[in-house]
């Protein structure tokens, strides 16, 4: 029984040592996280402007509240990974502010579809 435990630990240590250095670091630079968060109000504004073309009443207001309540509260790992992947994979001439902003918008879209609590928002005070 003791031997099995040693083999498992040895296997796990072998797996951990073969993880690429980039994957071993989970921290995202604070500047990247701040830039990503700074785009969120623009994402909400653009989405609600689009939605208001079709409904100017309750649905648009609910949509804004749902976005603000659900989306920016998490760790944002998926969205930030999207932006970091773009920065790592794009050619230097493609790293324009416009393209980075597109990657940030895509990152926020990934965050939105990965949220599982869209229906949990309550109408508090309404």
C-alpha atoms as a PDB file:
ATOM      1  CA  UNK A   1       0.000   0.000   0.000  1.00  0.00           C
ATOM      2  CA  UNK A   2       2.794   2.377   0.861  1.00  0.00           C
ATOM      3  CA  UNK A   3       4.594   1.660  -2.410  1.00  0.00           C
ATOM      4  CA  UNK A   4       1.543   2.708  -4.451  1.00  0.00           C
ATOM      5  CA  UNK A   5       1.483   6.081  -2.715  1.00  0.00           C
ATOM      6  CA  UNK A   6       5.146   6.649  -3.587  1.00  0.00           C
ATOM      7  CA  UNK A   7       4.520   5.759  -7.227  1.00  0.00           C
ATOM      8  CA  UNK A   8       1.609   8.183  -7.447  1.00  0.00           C
ATOM      9  CA  UNK A   9       3.653  10.997  -5.903  1.00  0.00           C
ATOM     10  CA  UNK A  10       6.526  10.258  -8.278  1.00  0.00           C
ATOM     11  CA  UNK A  11       4.141  10.314 -11.245  1.00  0.00           C
ATOM     12  CA  UNK A  12       2.597  13.587 -10.118  1.00  0.00           C
ATOM     13  CA  UNK A  13       5.984  15.208  -9.591  1.00  0.00           C
ATOM     14  CA  UNK A  14       7.002  14.088 -13.084  1.00  0.00           C
ATOM     15  CA  UNK A  15       3.837  15.608 -14.538  1.00  0.00           C
ATOM     16  CA  UNK A  16       4.338  18.869 -12.680  1.00  0.00           C
ATOM     17  CA  UNK A  17       7.923  19.207 -13.832  1.00  0.00           C
ATOM     18  CA  UNK A  18       6.912  18.846 -17.489  1.00  0.00           C
ATOM     19  CA  UNK A  19       4.361  21.683 -17.404  1.00  0.00           C
ATOM     20  CA  UNK A  20       5.481  24.531 -19.676  1.00  0.00           C
ATOM     21  CA  UNK A  21       6.654  27.569 -17.751  1.00  0.00           C
ATOM     22  CA  UNK A  22       3.922  29.795 -19.223  1.00  0.00           C
ATOM     23  CA  UNK A  23       1.217  27.405 -17.977  1.00  0.00           C
ATOM     24  CA  UNK A  24       2.753  27.155 -14.521  1.00  0.00           C
ATOM     25  CA  UNK A  25       2.260  30.885 -13.872  1.00  0.00           C
ATOM     26  CA  UNK A  26      -1.335  31.750 -13.130  1.00  0.00           C
ATOM     27  CA  UNK A  27      -0.889  35.420 -12.325  1.00  0.00           C
ATOM     28  CA  UNK A  28      -1.821  37.910 -14.993  1.00  0.00           C
ATOM     29  CA  UNK A  29      -0.089  41.274 -14.891  1.00  0.00           C
ATOM     30  CA  UNK A  30      -2.281  43.789 -13.065  1.00  0.00           C
ATOM     31  CA  UNK A  31      -1.985  46.171 -15.998  1.00  0.00           C
ATOM     32  CA  UNK A  32      -3.501  43.538 -18.312  1.00  0.00           C
ATOM     33  CA  UNK A  33      -6.345  42.912 -15.890  1.00  0.00           C
ATOM     34  CA  UNK A  34      -6.982  46.666 -15.507  1.00  0.00           C
ATOM     35  CA  UNK A  35      -7.035  47.156 -19.289  1.00  0.00           C
ATOM     36  CA  UNK A  36      -9.446  44.234 -19.637  1.00  0.00           C
ATOM     37  CA  UNK A  37     -11.764  45.623 -16.945  1.00  0.00           C
ATOM     38  CA  UNK A  38     -11.622  49.100 -18.498  1.00  0.00           C
ATOM     39  CA  UNK A  39     -13.213  47.715 -21.668  1.00  0.00           C
ATOM     40  CA  UNK A  40     -16.226  46.224 -19.847  1.00  0.00           C
ATOM     41  CA  UNK A  41     -18.293  49.451 -19.665  1.00  0.00           C
ATOM     42  CA  UNK A  42     -17.827  49.852 -23.436  1.00  0.00           C
ATOM     43  CA  UNK A  43     -18.973  46.266 -24.003  1.00  0.00           C
ATOM     44  CA  UNK A  44     -22.100  46.886 -21.897  1.00  0.00           C
ATOM     45  CA  UNK A  45     -22.790  50.183 -23.679  1.00  0.00           C
ATOM     46  CA  UNK A  46     -22.396  48.639 -27.141  1.00  0.00           C
ATOM     47  CA  UNK A  47     -24.567  45.625 -26.312  1.00  0.00           C
ATOM     48  CA  UNK A  48     -27.326  47.695 -24.744  1.00  0.00           C
ATOM     49  CA  UNK A  49     -27.256  50.210 -27.609  1.00  0.00           C
ATOM     50  CA  UNK A  50     -27.771  47.315 -29.995  1.00  0.00           C
ATOM     51  CA  UNK A  51     -30.501  45.775 -27.822  1.00  0.00           C
ATOM     52  CA  UNK A  52     -32.319  49.098 -27.427  1.00  0.00           C
ATOM     53  CA  UNK A  53     -32.993  49.136 -31.175  1.00  0.00           C
ATOM     54  CA  UNK A  54     -35.399  46.277 -30.553  1.00  0.00           C
ATOM     55  CA  UNK A  55     -36.661  46.937 -27.032  1.00  0.00           C
ATOM     56  CA  UNK A  56     -36.455  50.224 -25.185  1.00  0.00           C
ATOM     57  CA  UNK A  57     -38.102  49.082 -21.985  1.00  0.00           C
ATOM     58  CA  UNK A  58     -37.749  46.289 -19.487  1.00  0.00           C
ATOM     59  CA  UNK A  59     -35.555  43.848 -21.402  1.00  0.00           C
ATOM     60  CA  UNK A  60     -32.741  46.332 -22.028  1.00  0.00           C
ATOM     61  CA  UNK A  61     -32.717  47.438 -18.383  1.00  0.00           C
ATOM     62  CA  UNK A  62     -32.681  43.812 -17.244  1.00  0.00           C
ATOM     63  CA  UNK A  63     -29.889  43.065 -19.704  1.00  0.00           C
ATOM     64  CA  UNK A  64     -27.694  45.854 -18.284  1.00  0.00           C
ATOM     65  CA  UNK A  65     -28.334  44.710 -14.721  1.00  0.00           C
ATOM     66  CA  UNK A  66     -27.651  41.079 -15.600  1.00  0.00           C
ATOM     67  CA  UNK A  67     -24.394  41.965 -17.326  1.00  0.00           C
ATOM     68  CA  UNK A  68     -23.187  44.129 -14.463  1.00  0.00           C
ATOM     69  CA  UNK A  69     -24.285  41.656 -11.801  1.00  0.00           C
ATOM     70  CA  UNK A  70     -22.996  38.425 -13.332  1.00  0.00           C
ATOM     71  CA  UNK A  71     -20.084  39.017 -15.633  1.00  0.00           C
ATOM     72  CA  UNK A  72     -17.335  41.164 -14.069  1.00  0.00           C
ATOM     73  CA  UNK A  73     -17.407  39.536 -10.611  1.00  0.00           C
ATOM     74  CA  UNK A  74     -15.390  36.411 -11.387  1.00  0.00           C
ATOM     75  CA  UNK A  75     -11.697  35.795 -11.893  1.00  0.00           C
ATOM     76  CA  UNK A  76     -11.949  36.458 -15.633  1.00  0.00           C
ATOM     77  CA  UNK A  77      -9.419  33.715 -16.381  1.00  0.00           C
ATOM     78  CA  UNK A  78     -11.009  32.711 -19.678  1.00  0.00           C
ATOM     79  CA  UNK A  79     -11.334  36.242 -20.981  1.00  0.00           C
ATOM     80  CA  UNK A  80      -7.836  37.243 -19.949  1.00  0.00           C
ATOM     81  CA  UNK A  81      -6.461  34.031 -21.451  1.00  0.00           C
ATOM     82  CA  UNK A  82      -8.040  35.021 -24.752  1.00  0.00           C
ATOM     83  CA  UNK A  83      -6.293  38.399 -24.735  1.00  0.00           C
ATOM     84  CA  UNK A  84      -2.965  36.930 -23.623  1.00  0.00           C
ATOM     85  CA  UNK A  85      -3.167  34.226 -26.285  1.00  0.00           C
ATOM     86  CA  UNK A  86      -3.746  36.866 -28.937  1.00  0.00           C
ATOM     87  CA  UNK A  87      -0.765  38.879 -27.688  1.00  0.00           C
ATOM     88  CA  UNK A  88       1.436  35.774 -27.770  1.00  0.00           C
ATOM     89  CA  UNK A  89       0.296  34.430 -31.139  1.00  0.00           C
ATOM     90  CA  UNK A  90      -0.172  37.563 -33.228  1.00  0.00           C
ATOM     91  CA  UNK A  91       2.634  38.937 -35.346  1.00  0.00           C
ATOM     92  CA  UNK A  92       4.105  42.209 -34.018  1.00  0.00           C
ATOM     93  CA  UNK A  93       2.501  44.248 -36.801  1.00  0.00           C
ATOM     94  CA  UNK A  94      -0.912  42.831 -35.832  1.00  0.00           C
ATOM     95  CA  UNK A  95      -0.644  44.040 -32.219  1.00  0.00           C
ATOM     96  CA  UNK A  96      -2.489  47.261 -32.905  1.00  0.00           C
ATOM     97  CA  UNK A  97      -4.712  48.907 -30.277  1.00  0.00           C
ATOM     98  CA  UNK A  98      -7.754  48.099 -32.433  1.00  0.00           C
ATOM     99  CA  UNK A  99      -6.883  44.395 -32.655  1.00  0.00           C
ATOM    100  CA  UNK A 100      -6.105  44.168 -28.941  1.00  0.00           C
ATOM    101  CA  UNK A 101      -9.482  45.770 -28.239  1.00  0.00           C
ATOM    102  CA  UNK A 102     -11.131  43.153 -30.464  1.00  0.00           C
ATOM    103  CA  UNK A 103      -9.377  40.433 -28.469  1.00  0.00           C
ATOM    104  CA  UNK A 104     -10.653  42.057 -25.258  1.00  0.00           C
ATOM    105  CA  UNK A 105     -14.210  42.135 -26.627  1.00  0.00           C
ATOM    106  CA  UNK A 106     -13.872  38.472 -27.576  1.00  0.00           C
ATOM    107  CA  UNK A 107     -12.574  37.772 -24.079  1.00  0.00           C
ATOM    108  CA  UNK A 108     -15.644  39.424 -22.561  1.00  0.00           C
ATOM    109  CA  UNK A 109     -17.873  37.392 -24.900  1.00  0.00           C
ATOM    110  CA  UNK A 110     -16.184  34.240 -23.619  1.00  0.00           C
ATOM    111  CA  UNK A 111     -16.780  35.400 -20.052  1.00  0.00           C
ATOM    112  CA  UNK A 112     -20.457  36.012 -20.809  1.00  0.00           C
ATOM    113  CA  UNK A 113     -21.143  32.625 -22.329  1.00  0.00           C
ATOM    114  CA  UNK A 114     -19.256  30.850 -19.568  1.00  0.00           C
ATOM    115  CA  UNK A 115     -21.374  32.416 -16.810  1.00  0.00           C
ATOM    116  CA  UNK A 116     -23.884  29.958 -15.433  1.00  0.00           C
ATOM    117  CA  UNK A 117     -25.907  32.273 -13.209  1.00  0.00           C
ATOM    118  CA  UNK A 118     -27.667  34.496 -15.736  1.00  0.00           C
ATOM    119  CA  UNK A 119     -31.052  33.602 -14.316  1.00  0.00           C
ATOM    120  CA  UNK A 120     -30.070  34.146 -10.687  1.00  0.00           C
ATOM    121  CA  UNK A 121     -30.440  37.930 -10.703  1.00  0.00           C
ATOM    122  CA  UNK A 122     -33.357  39.014  -8.563  1.00  0.00           C
ATOM    123  CA  UNK A 123     -35.533  42.060  -9.071  1.00  0.00           C
ATOM    124  CA  UNK A 124     -34.539  43.670  -5.794  1.00  0.00           C
ATOM    125  CA  UNK A 125     -36.326  46.927  -5.165  1.00  0.00           C
ATOM    126  CA  UNK A 126     -38.223  46.847  -8.465  1.00  0.00           C
END
